[in-house]
Amino acid sequence: MPIFLSRVRGDQRGFTLAELLVTVAILGIVMAAVLTAYMTGNTVGLTGENRAEAQQTARAAMLMEEDLRLIGLGCPPAGCPPPGAAPLAGCPAPAQLQIICATPTAAVFWADLTNTSTALTANVNAGANVLNVVTNAGFAVGNTIYLVNGGQSAQHNVTGAPPAPGTTISVNPVVACPAGAICPPAYPQGAQVGRPRLITYSWNAATLTLSKDAGDGTGLQPLATGIQNLNLRYFNASDVEIAPANLAANLANIRRIQISMTAQSAAALNRGTFTLNSTVRPRNL
C-alpha cells in the first residue's frame, strides 16, 4: 500500500470545537448579510409601490383640473338656468351662473366635458324648429341645449336627432315671430349650439373619497379613495383669494382655482403619501 494512502486512512482526527465555532460564526455573518439585503430590497420595493399608488390616486387632481378648465363651456355668458334644487348639502339655492356652488371641498359647475357643443351652419329664423349644425353627434332627444350669439341666448329642448351622425337637430320652436311681421334671423350662422351638463366634484372626509357627478343621470360616483385631504381655494380677477365665508356671494367673480390634494396608499406598512398642488384658470370665465 502506498505510504500517502496509509497516512490518509490513519488520520482519524475530526474538526475541533474552535474550528466549528469559527465556521458557524462565518455562516451566521453571511446569512445576516443576505437577510439584511433581502429586507432592505423588500422595504425599498414596497415603499416604491406604495408611493406609486399614492401618486396614481392623486392623479384625480389632474382630472379635476382638466374639467375645471372647461367651466362654462356650452353655457351662455350669464350662465345656465339653475337646477330645481341645491345639488349638495351646504350649497345655497343655485342661481343662473356658470359656477353654482364653491366650497373648500366641493365645486358644482356647468360644462360640456364631452365637447358635444357645435355651431350653426345656417341662419336660424324665428319660429324654426330645425337647426343645421356642423354635427349632431352626442345630442339626444330630451337634451337641454343653448343657442348662444354673444350676449344673446336661448334655451331649447331637443325633440329629435337621428341616431346616425347627421347635421340637423330638431328642437322646440326657436323664437316666435308675430304673424305678418318681418323678423330678422334669430341666430346667425356660426352661433354656438351648446349642450353643457351640471358637473359636481365632492370630497367626503369621513370616507376619504373624492366623487364626481358627470351630469349624465348616474349621480355621484367614486373617483378616487384614500384622499386624505382636499382643499380648493378660489381667486377673483385681481388674483385676490375669496374667503370661504364669502364664496356664495362671489361665485360670479371666481377666475382662478387652486387645488391641493393629499393621497395615501391603502397599505399601512411603509405607507406612501403624495401631495399634488395645481392651479387652473377656466377658459370661459
C-alpha atoms as a PDB file:
ATOM      1  CA  MET A   1       0.000   0.000   0.000  1.00  0.00           C
ATOM      2  CA  PRO A   2       1.368   3.451  -0.884  1.00  0.00           C
ATOM      3  CA  ILE A   3       2.577   5.477   2.059  1.00  0.00           C
ATOM      4  CA  PHE A   4       0.285   8.522   1.411  1.00  0.00           C
ATOM      5  CA  LEU A   5      -2.877   6.347   1.432  1.00  0.00           C
ATOM      6  CA  SER A   6      -1.784   4.822   4.664  1.00  0.00           C
ATOM      7  CA  ARG A   7      -1.419   8.255   6.179  1.00  0.00           C
ATOM      8  CA  VAL A   8      -4.880   9.363   4.992  1.00  0.00           C
ATOM      9  CA  ARG A   9      -6.550   6.226   6.378  1.00  0.00           C
ATOM     10  CA  GLY A  10      -4.648   6.571   9.549  1.00  0.00           C
ATOM     11  CA  ASP A  11      -5.658  10.235  10.090  1.00  0.00           C
ATOM     12  CA  GLN A  12      -8.878   9.915  12.129  1.00  0.00           C
ATOM     13  CA  ARG A  13      -8.862  13.427  13.510  1.00  0.00           C
ATOM     14  CA  GLY A  14     -12.151  15.470  13.162  1.00  0.00           C
ATOM     15  CA  PHE A  15     -12.875  19.188  13.426  1.00  0.00           C
ATOM     16  CA  THR A  16     -12.015  20.871  16.655  1.00  0.00           C
ATOM     17  CA  LEU A  17     -14.615  22.855  18.618  1.00  0.00           C
ATOM     18  CA  ALA A  18     -12.817  26.067  17.772  1.00  0.00           C
ATOM     19  CA  GLU A  19     -12.999  25.293  14.054  1.00  0.00           C
ATOM     20  CA  LEU A  20     -16.739  24.536  14.301  1.00  0.00           C
ATOM     21  CA  LEU A  21     -17.400  27.780  16.195  1.00  0.00           C
ATOM     22  CA  VAL A  22     -15.500  29.822  13.622  1.00  0.00           C
ATOM     23  CA  THR A  23     -17.414  28.132  10.778  1.00  0.00           C
ATOM     24  CA  VAL A  24     -20.784  28.753  12.438  1.00  0.00           C
ATOM     25  CA  ALA A  25     -19.838  32.372  13.116  1.00  0.00           C
ATOM     26  CA  ILE A  26     -18.839  32.960   9.491  1.00  0.00           C
ATOM     27  CA  LEU A  27     -22.035  31.296   8.273  1.00  0.00           C
ATOM     28  CA  GLY A  28     -24.093  33.459  10.620  1.00  0.00           C
ATOM     29  CA  ILE A  29     -22.443  36.635   9.321  1.00  0.00           C
ATOM     30  CA  VAL A  30     -23.105  35.635   5.715  1.00  0.00           C
ATOM     31  CA  MET A  31     -26.762  34.757   6.418  1.00  0.00           C
ATOM     32  CA  ALA A  32     -27.267  38.005   8.324  1.00  0.00           C
ATOM     33  CA  ALA A  33     -25.894  39.970   5.382  1.00  0.00           C
ATOM     34  CA  VAL A  34     -28.158  38.108   2.958  1.00  0.00           C
ATOM     35  CA  LEU A  35     -31.203  38.666   5.196  1.00  0.00           C
ATOM     36  CA  THR A  36     -30.410  42.348   5.607  1.00  0.00           C
ATOM     37  CA  ALA A  37     -30.056  42.781   1.854  1.00  0.00           C
ATOM     38  CA  TYR A  38     -33.354  40.969   1.284  1.00  0.00           C
ATOM     39  CA  MET A  39     -35.230  43.021   3.874  1.00  0.00           C
ATOM     40  CA  THR A  40     -33.778  46.275   2.557  1.00  0.00           C
ATOM     41  CA  GLY A  41     -34.746  45.381  -1.004  1.00  0.00           C
ATOM     42  CA  ASN A  42     -38.213  44.355   0.079  1.00  0.00           C
ATOM     43  CA  THR A  43     -38.682  47.601   2.029  1.00  0.00           C
ATOM     44  CA  VAL A  44     -37.483  49.719  -0.882  1.00  0.00           C
ATOM     45  CA  GLY A  45     -39.747  47.842  -3.287  1.00  0.00           C
ATOM     46  CA  LEU A  46     -42.796  48.111  -1.029  1.00  0.00           C
ATOM     47  CA  THR A  47     -42.145  51.790  -0.367  1.00  0.00           C
ATOM     48  CA  GLY A  48     -41.871  52.422  -4.099  1.00  0.00           C
ATOM     49  CA  GLU A  49     -45.103  50.566  -4.811  1.00  0.00           C
ATOM     50  CA  ASN A  50     -46.975  52.453  -2.086  1.00  0.00           C
ATOM     51  CA  ARG A  51     -45.675  55.803  -3.287  1.00  0.00           C
ATOM     52  CA  ALA A  52     -46.646  54.950  -6.868  1.00  0.00           C
ATOM     53  CA  GLU A  53     -50.136  54.029  -5.626  1.00  0.00           C
ATOM     54  CA  ALA A  54     -50.438  57.346  -3.786  1.00  0.00           C
ATOM     55  CA  GLN A  55     -49.273  59.230  -6.883  1.00  0.00           C
ATOM     56  CA  GLN A  56     -51.777  57.381  -9.044  1.00  0.00           C
ATOM     57  CA  THR A  57     -54.565  58.260  -6.614  1.00  0.00           C
ATOM     58  CA  ALA A  58     -53.516  61.920  -6.611  1.00  0.00           C
ATOM     59  CA  ARG A  59     -53.917  61.951 -10.395  1.00  0.00           C
ATOM     60  CA  ALA A  60     -57.584  62.611  -9.645  1.00  0.00           C
ATOM     61  CA  ALA A  61     -56.499  66.202  -9.056  1.00  0.00           C
ATOM     62  CA  MET A  62     -55.255  66.334 -12.641  1.00  0.00           C
ATOM     63  CA  LEU A  63     -58.614  65.047 -13.902  1.00  0.00           C
ATOM     64  CA  MET A  64     -60.370  67.677 -11.807  1.00  0.00           C
ATOM     65  CA  GLU A  65     -58.066  70.357 -13.204  1.00  0.00           C
ATOM     66  CA  GLU A  66     -58.953  69.405 -16.786  1.00  0.00           C
ATOM     67  CA  ASP A  67     -62.677  69.616 -16.021  1.00  0.00           C
ATOM     68  CA  LEU A  68     -62.442  72.888 -14.091  1.00  0.00           C
ATOM     69  CA  ARG A  69     -60.669  74.428 -17.059  1.00  0.00           C
ATOM     70  CA  LEU A  70     -63.864  73.853 -19.088  1.00  0.00           C
ATOM     71  CA  ILE A  71     -66.233  75.632 -16.680  1.00  0.00           C
ATOM     72  CA  GLY A  72     -68.903  77.441 -18.677  1.00  0.00           C
ATOM     73  CA  LEU A  73     -68.253  75.636 -21.981  1.00  0.00           C
ATOM     74  CA  GLY A  74     -71.578  75.378 -23.816  1.00  0.00           C
ATOM     75  CA  CYS A  75     -73.324  77.838 -21.478  1.00  0.00           C
ATOM     76  CA  PRO A  76     -74.434  81.398 -22.209  1.00  0.00           C
ATOM     77  CA  PRO A  77     -72.048  84.023 -20.784  1.00  0.00           C
ATOM     78  CA  ALA A  78     -74.501  84.748 -17.969  1.00  0.00           C
ATOM     79  CA  GLY A  79     -74.663  81.072 -17.059  1.00  0.00           C
ATOM     80  CA  CYS A  80     -77.181  78.279 -17.459  1.00  0.00           C
ATOM     81  CA  PRO A  81     -80.562  78.357 -15.732  1.00  0.00           C
ATOM     82  CA  PRO A  82     -80.316  76.888 -12.232  1.00  0.00           C
ATOM     83  CA  PRO A  83     -81.421  73.339 -11.420  1.00  0.00           C
ATOM     84  CA  GLY A  84     -84.513  72.895  -9.326  1.00  0.00           C
ATOM     85  CA  ALA A  85     -82.695  72.326  -6.023  1.00  0.00           C
ATOM     86  CA  ALA A  86     -79.311  72.730  -4.398  1.00  0.00           C
ATOM     87  CA  PRO A  87     -77.056  69.949  -5.738  1.00  0.00           C
ATOM     88  CA  LEU A  88     -75.136  69.431  -2.485  1.00  0.00           C
ATOM     89  CA  ALA A  89     -75.751  69.912   1.198  1.00  0.00           C
ATOM     90  CA  GLY A  90     -74.216  73.196   2.280  1.00  0.00           C
ATOM     91  CA  CYS A  91     -74.709  74.829  -1.111  1.00  0.00           C
ATOM     92  CA  PRO A  92     -77.027  77.835  -1.322  1.00  0.00           C
ATOM     93  CA  ALA A  93     -80.016  77.954  -3.626  1.00  0.00           C
ATOM     94  CA  PRO A  94     -78.432  77.912  -7.096  1.00  0.00           C
ATOM     95  CA  ALA A  95     -78.588  80.952  -9.355  1.00  0.00           C
ATOM     96  CA  GLN A  96     -78.118  81.377 -13.101  1.00  0.00           C
ATOM     97  CA  LEU A  97     -74.335  81.196 -13.073  1.00  0.00           C
ATOM     98  CA  GLN A  98     -71.569  79.088 -14.562  1.00  0.00           C
ATOM     99  CA  ILE A  99     -70.358  78.044 -11.096  1.00  0.00           C
ATOM    100  CA  ILE A 100     -73.322  77.464  -8.813  1.00  0.00           C
ATOM    101  CA  CYS A 101     -71.509  76.169  -5.720  1.00  0.00           C
ATOM    102  CA  ALA A 102     -67.953  76.535  -4.440  1.00  0.00           C
ATOM    103  CA  THR A 103     -66.586  75.352  -1.096  1.00  0.00           C
ATOM    104  CA  PRO A 104     -63.119  74.248   0.089  1.00  0.00           C
ATOM    105  CA  THR A 105     -64.126  70.609  -0.543  1.00  0.00           C
ATOM    106  CA  ALA A 106     -66.623  70.792  -3.417  1.00  0.00           C
ATOM    107  CA  ALA A 107     -67.364  72.530  -6.705  1.00  0.00           C
ATOM    108  CA  VAL A 108     -70.525  72.438  -8.831  1.00  0.00           C
ATOM    109  CA  PHE A 109     -70.445  73.989 -12.284  1.00  0.00           C
ATOM    110  CA  TRP A 110     -71.812  73.827 -15.821  1.00  0.00           C
ATOM    111  CA  ALA A 111     -69.542  72.480 -18.557  1.00  0.00           C
ATOM    112  CA  ASP A 112     -69.584  70.430 -21.726  1.00  0.00           C
ATOM    113  CA  LEU A 113     -66.920  67.899 -20.765  1.00  0.00           C
ATOM    114  CA  THR A 114     -67.588  65.689 -23.796  1.00  0.00           C
ATOM    115  CA  ASN A 115     -67.155  68.571 -26.268  1.00  0.00           C
ATOM    116  CA  THR A 116     -70.555  67.851 -27.782  1.00  0.00           C
ATOM    117  CA  SER A 117     -71.338  71.532 -28.395  1.00  0.00           C
ATOM    118  CA  THR A 118     -71.395  72.515 -32.052  1.00  0.00           C
ATOM    119  CA  ALA A 119     -72.198  75.526 -34.251  1.00  0.00           C
ATOM    120  CA  LEU A 120     -74.900  76.563 -36.713  1.00  0.00           C
ATOM    121  CA  THR A 121     -74.062  76.185 -40.388  1.00  0.00           C
ATOM    122  CA  ALA A 122     -77.027  78.317 -41.486  1.00  0.00           C
ATOM    123  CA  ASN A 123     -79.101  81.165 -40.088  1.00  0.00           C
ATOM    124  CA  VAL A 124     -81.987  80.152 -37.846  1.00  0.00           C
ATOM    125  CA  ASN A 125     -85.105  82.178 -38.449  1.00  0.00           C
ATOM    126  CA  ALA A 126     -87.680  82.950 -35.837  1.00  0.00           C
ATOM    127  CA  GLY A 127     -90.131  80.107 -35.400  1.00  0.00           C
ATOM    128  CA  ALA A 128     -87.782  77.491 -36.901  1.00  0.00           C
ATOM    129  CA  ASN A 129     -87.650  74.077 -35.265  1.00  0.00           C
ATOM    130  CA  VAL A 130     -84.736  72.537 -37.174  1.00  0.00           C
ATOM    131  CA  LEU A 131     -81.118  73.543 -36.602  1.00  0.00           C
ATOM    132  CA  ASN A 132     -78.482  72.977 -39.274  1.00  0.00           C
ATOM    133  CA  VAL A 133     -75.269  72.214 -37.412  1.00  0.00           C
ATOM    134  CA  VAL A 134     -71.731  71.032 -38.021  1.00  0.00           C
ATOM    135  CA  THR A 135     -72.583  67.700 -36.379  1.00  0.00           C
ATOM    136  CA  ASN A 136     -75.321  66.324 -34.165  1.00  0.00           C
ATOM    137  CA  ALA A 137     -73.086  63.663 -32.598  1.00  0.00           C
ATOM    138  CA  GLY A 138     -73.743  63.415 -28.875  1.00  0.00           C
ATOM    139  CA  PHE A 139     -77.158  65.081 -28.919  1.00  0.00           C
ATOM    140  CA  ALA A 140     -80.203  63.086 -27.841  1.00  0.00           C
ATOM    141  CA  VAL A 141     -83.915  63.648 -27.516  1.00  0.00           C
ATOM    142  CA  GLY A 142     -84.694  65.447 -24.273  1.00  0.00           C
ATOM    143  CA  ASN A 143     -81.338  67.257 -24.042  1.00  0.00           C
ATOM    144  CA  THR A 144     -81.433  70.871 -22.990  1.00  0.00           C
ATOM    145  CA  ILE A 145     -79.366  72.992 -25.340  1.00  0.00           C
ATOM    146  CA  TYR A 146     -78.484  76.673 -25.593  1.00  0.00           C
ATOM    147  CA  LEU A 147     -78.192  78.862 -28.655  1.00  0.00           C
ATOM    148  CA  VAL A 148     -75.590  81.499 -27.932  1.00  0.00           C
ATOM    149  CA  ASN A 149     -74.653  84.516 -30.029  1.00  0.00           C
ATOM    150  CA  GLY A 150     -72.618  86.939 -27.956  1.00  0.00           C
ATOM    151  CA  GLY A 151     -74.868  88.209 -25.186  1.00  0.00           C
ATOM    152  CA  GLN A 152     -77.957  86.738 -26.851  1.00  0.00           C
ATOM    153  CA  SER A 153     -79.004  83.269 -25.758  1.00  0.00           C
ATOM    154  CA  ALA A 154     -81.999  80.978 -25.649  1.00  0.00           C
ATOM    155  CA  GLN A 155     -82.763  77.616 -24.078  1.00  0.00           C
ATOM    156  CA  HIS A 156     -84.388  74.825 -26.093  1.00  0.00           C
ATOM    157  CA  ASN A 157     -85.148  71.135 -25.832  1.00  0.00           C
ATOM    158  CA  VAL A 158     -84.065  68.597 -28.421  1.00  0.00           C
ATOM    159  CA  THR A 159     -87.136  66.908 -29.888  1.00  0.00           C
ATOM    160  CA  GLY A 160     -85.378  64.803 -32.491  1.00  0.00           C
ATOM    161  CA  ALA A 161     -81.897  63.899 -33.637  1.00  0.00           C
ATOM    162  CA  PRO A 162     -81.125  60.996 -35.963  1.00  0.00           C
ATOM    163  CA  PRO A 163     -79.397  58.039 -34.297  1.00  0.00           C
ATOM    164  CA  ALA A 164     -76.752  58.075 -37.026  1.00  0.00           C
ATOM    165  CA  PRO A 165     -74.375  61.026 -37.375  1.00  0.00           C
ATOM    166  CA  GLY A 166     -76.048  63.910 -39.168  1.00  0.00           C
ATOM    167  CA  THR A 167     -76.134  67.680 -39.473  1.00  0.00           C
ATOM    168  CA  THR A 168     -79.606  68.583 -38.197  1.00  0.00           C
ATOM    169  CA  ILE A 169     -81.211  68.766 -34.781  1.00  0.00           C
ATOM    170  CA  SER A 170     -84.930  69.175 -34.196  1.00  0.00           C
ATOM    171  CA  VAL A 171     -85.932  71.451 -31.327  1.00  0.00           C
ATOM    172  CA  ASN A 172     -88.968  73.200 -29.998  1.00  0.00           C
ATOM    173  CA  PRO A 173     -89.548  76.450 -31.979  1.00  0.00           C
ATOM    174  CA  VAL A 174     -86.688  78.889 -31.584  1.00  0.00           C
ATOM    175  CA  VAL A 175     -88.224  82.344 -31.357  1.00  0.00           C
ATOM    176  CA  ALA A 176     -91.808  83.119 -32.217  1.00  0.00           C
ATOM    177  CA  CYS A 177     -92.316  85.769 -34.891  1.00  0.00           C
ATOM    178  CA  PRO A 178     -95.633  87.643 -34.850  1.00  0.00           C
ATOM    179  CA  ALA A 179     -97.825  86.918 -37.846  1.00  0.00           C
ATOM    180  CA  GLY A 180     -97.271  89.424 -40.638  1.00  0.00           C
ATOM    181  CA  ALA A 181     -94.111  90.849 -39.081  1.00  0.00           C
ATOM    182  CA  ILE A 182     -90.708  90.937 -40.764  1.00  0.00           C
ATOM    183  CA  CYS A 183     -88.294  89.221 -38.378  1.00  0.00           C
ATOM    184  CA  PRO A 184     -84.519  89.016 -38.816  1.00  0.00           C
ATOM    185  CA  PRO A 185     -82.723  85.711 -38.266  1.00  0.00           C
ATOM    186  CA  ALA A 186     -82.980  84.794 -34.622  1.00  0.00           C
ATOM    187  CA  TYR A 187     -79.478  83.290 -34.654  1.00  0.00           C
ATOM    188  CA  PRO A 188     -76.900  83.661 -37.420  1.00  0.00           C
ATOM    189  CA  GLN A 189     -74.618  81.084 -38.968  1.00  0.00           C
ATOM    190  CA  GLY A 190     -71.713  80.360 -36.610  1.00  0.00           C
ATOM    191  CA  ALA A 191     -73.735  80.806 -33.412  1.00  0.00           C
ATOM    192  CA  GLN A 192     -72.948  78.228 -30.742  1.00  0.00           C
ATOM    193  CA  VAL A 193     -75.226  75.299 -30.018  1.00  0.00           C
ATOM    194  CA  GLY A 194     -74.187  74.299 -26.514  1.00  0.00           C
ATOM    195  CA  ARG A 195     -75.009  71.165 -24.560  1.00  0.00           C
ATOM    196  CA  PRO A 196     -73.495  71.638 -21.090  1.00  0.00           C
ATOM    197  CA  ARG A 197     -74.135  69.414 -18.094  1.00  0.00           C
ATOM    198  CA  LEU A 198     -74.086  70.111 -14.382  1.00  0.00           C
ATOM    199  CA  ILE A 199     -70.794  68.718 -13.021  1.00  0.00           C
ATOM    200  CA  THR A 200     -70.113  68.069  -9.337  1.00  0.00           C
ATOM    201  CA  TYR A 201     -66.871  67.276  -7.517  1.00  0.00           C
ATOM    202  CA  SER A 202     -67.169  66.495  -3.816  1.00  0.00           C
ATOM    203  CA  TRP A 203     -64.782  65.129  -1.161  1.00  0.00           C
ATOM    204  CA  ASN A 204     -66.091  63.124   1.801  1.00  0.00           C
ATOM    205  CA  ALA A 205     -63.801  63.497   4.830  1.00  0.00           C
ATOM    206  CA  ALA A 206     -65.386  60.505   6.591  1.00  0.00           C
ATOM    207  CA  THR A 207     -64.751  58.009   3.786  1.00  0.00           C
ATOM    208  CA  LEU A 208     -61.706  59.779   2.299  1.00  0.00           C
ATOM    209  CA  THR A 209     -63.393  59.536  -1.096  1.00  0.00           C
ATOM    210  CA  LEU A 210     -63.450  62.019  -3.951  1.00  0.00           C
ATOM    211  CA  SER A 211     -66.634  61.650  -6.017  1.00  0.00           C
ATOM    212  CA  LYS A 212     -67.779  63.079  -9.323  1.00  0.00           C
ATOM    213  CA  ASP A 213     -71.207  63.567 -10.873  1.00  0.00           C
ATOM    214  CA  ALA A 214     -70.736  63.843 -14.635  1.00  0.00           C
ATOM    215  CA  GLY A 215     -74.278  65.137 -15.128  1.00  0.00           C
ATOM    216  CA  ASP A 216     -75.349  62.018 -17.023  1.00  0.00           C
ATOM    217  CA  GLY A 217     -78.003  60.944 -14.539  1.00  0.00           C
ATOM    218  CA  THR A 218     -75.902  58.409 -12.630  1.00  0.00           C
ATOM    219  CA  GLY A 219     -75.290  60.728  -9.672  1.00  0.00           C
ATOM    220  CA  LEU A 220     -72.124  60.968  -7.604  1.00  0.00           C
ATOM    221  CA  GLN A 221     -69.691  58.159  -8.376  1.00  0.00           C
ATOM    222  CA  PRO A 222     -66.411  57.418  -6.516  1.00  0.00           C
ATOM    223  CA  LEU A 223     -63.471  58.793  -8.453  1.00  0.00           C
ATOM    224  CA  ALA A 224     -60.625  58.107  -6.003  1.00  0.00           C
ATOM    225  CA  THR A 225     -60.272  56.692  -2.487  1.00  0.00           C
ATOM    226  CA  GLY A 226     -57.519  57.285   0.037  1.00  0.00           C
ATOM    227  CA  ILE A 227     -57.728  61.057  -0.405  1.00  0.00           C
ATOM    228  CA  GLN A 228     -56.567  62.351   2.968  1.00  0.00           C
ATOM    229  CA  ASN A 229     -57.217  65.998   2.236  1.00  0.00           C
ATOM    230  CA  LEU A 230     -58.715  68.215  -0.450  1.00  0.00           C
ATOM    231  CA  ASN A 231     -58.543  71.985  -0.312  1.00  0.00           C
ATOM    232  CA  LEU A 232     -59.954  74.214  -3.048  1.00  0.00           C
ATOM    233  CA  ARG A 233     -59.103  77.905  -2.971  1.00  0.00           C
ATOM    234  CA  TYR A 234     -60.762  80.489  -5.212  1.00  0.00           C
ATOM    235  CA  PHE A 235     -59.407  83.806  -6.516  1.00  0.00           C
ATOM    236  CA  ASN A 236     -61.006  86.784  -8.266  1.00  0.00           C
ATOM    237  CA  ALA A 237     -59.855  88.697 -11.356  1.00  0.00           C
ATOM    238  CA  SER A 238     -57.347  90.642  -9.237  1.00  0.00           C
ATOM    239  CA  ASP A 239     -55.933  87.308  -8.041  1.00  0.00           C
ATOM    240  CA  VAL A 240     -57.138  88.016  -4.506  1.00  0.00           C
ATOM    241  CA  GLU A 241     -58.367  84.956  -2.628  1.00  0.00           C
ATOM    242  CA  ILE A 242     -62.075  84.850  -1.860  1.00  0.00           C
ATOM    243  CA  ALA A 243     -62.608  83.770   1.740  1.00  0.00           C
ATOM    244  CA  PRO A 244     -64.718  80.613   2.174  1.00  0.00           C
ATOM    245  CA  ALA A 245     -67.347  82.597   4.084  1.00  0.00           C
ATOM    246  CA  ASN A 246     -67.756  84.945   1.104  1.00  0.00           C
ATOM    247  CA  LEU A 247     -67.812  82.392  -1.705  1.00  0.00           C
ATOM    248  CA  ALA A 248     -71.606  82.132  -2.006  1.00  0.00           C
ATOM    249  CA  ALA A 249     -71.836  85.858  -2.714  1.00  0.00           C
ATOM    250  CA  ASN A 250     -68.886  85.881  -5.134  1.00  0.00           C
ATOM    251  CA  LEU A 251     -69.452  82.875  -7.400  1.00  0.00           C
ATOM    252  CA  ALA A 252     -69.593  85.129 -10.459  1.00  0.00           C
ATOM    253  CA  ASN A 253     -66.225  86.652  -9.527  1.00  0.00           C
ATOM    254  CA  ILE A 254     -64.202  83.417  -9.489  1.00  0.00           C
ATOM    255  CA  ARG A 255     -61.406  83.449 -12.067  1.00  0.00           C
ATOM    256  CA  ARG A 256     -58.779  81.059 -10.706  1.00  0.00           C
ATOM    257  CA  ILE A 257     -58.974  77.864  -8.636  1.00  0.00           C
ATOM    258  CA  GLN A 258     -56.107  76.322  -6.683  1.00  0.00           C
ATOM    259  CA  ILE A 259     -56.217  72.600  -5.893  1.00  0.00           C
ATOM    260  CA  SER A 260     -54.287  70.908  -3.088  1.00  0.00           C
ATOM    261  CA  MET A 261     -54.795  67.166  -2.660  1.00  0.00           C
ATOM    262  CA  THR A 262     -53.024  64.637  -0.427  1.00  0.00           C
ATOM    263  CA  ALA A 263     -53.349  60.918  -1.144  1.00  0.00           C
ATOM    264  CA  GLN A 264     -52.129  57.838   0.732  1.00  0.00           C
ATOM    265  CA  SER A 265     -51.671  54.217  -0.245  1.00  0.00           C
ATOM    266  CA  ALA A 266     -54.027  51.597   1.151  1.00  0.00           C
ATOM    267  CA  ALA A 267     -51.261  49.555   2.828  1.00  0.00           C
ATOM    268  CA  ALA A 268     -50.238  50.786   6.294  1.00  0.00           C
ATOM    269  CA  LEU A 269     -46.758  49.221   6.150  1.00  0.00           C
ATOM    270  CA  ASN A 270     -44.312  51.658   4.539  1.00  0.00           C
ATOM    271  CA  ARG A 271     -47.312  53.777   3.575  1.00  0.00           C
ATOM    272  CA  GLY A 272     -46.838  56.105   0.642  1.00  0.00           C
ATOM    273  CA  THR A 273     -48.070  59.693   0.786  1.00  0.00           C
ATOM    274  CA  PHE A 274     -48.171  62.158  -2.081  1.00  0.00           C
ATOM    275  CA  THR A 275     -49.388  65.769  -2.224  1.00  0.00           C
ATOM    276  CA  LEU A 276     -50.271  67.399  -5.519  1.00  0.00           C
ATOM    277  CA  ASN A 277     -50.779  71.148  -5.950  1.00  0.00           C
ATOM    278  CA  SER A 278     -52.267  72.614  -9.089  1.00  0.00           C
ATOM    279  CA  THR A 279     -53.741  75.868 -10.341  1.00  0.00           C
ATOM    280  CA  VAL A 280     -56.326  76.280 -13.095  1.00  0.00           C
ATOM    281  CA  ARG A 281     -57.804  79.305 -14.848  1.00  0.00           C
ATOM    282  CA  PRO A 282     -61.127  78.367 -16.512  1.00  0.00           C
ATOM    283  CA  ARG A 283     -61.114  79.481 -20.147  1.00  0.00           C
ATOM    284  CA  ASN A 284     -64.690  80.701 -20.265  1.00  0.00           C
ATOM    285  CA  LEU A 285     -64.832  82.811 -17.103  1.00  0.00           C
END
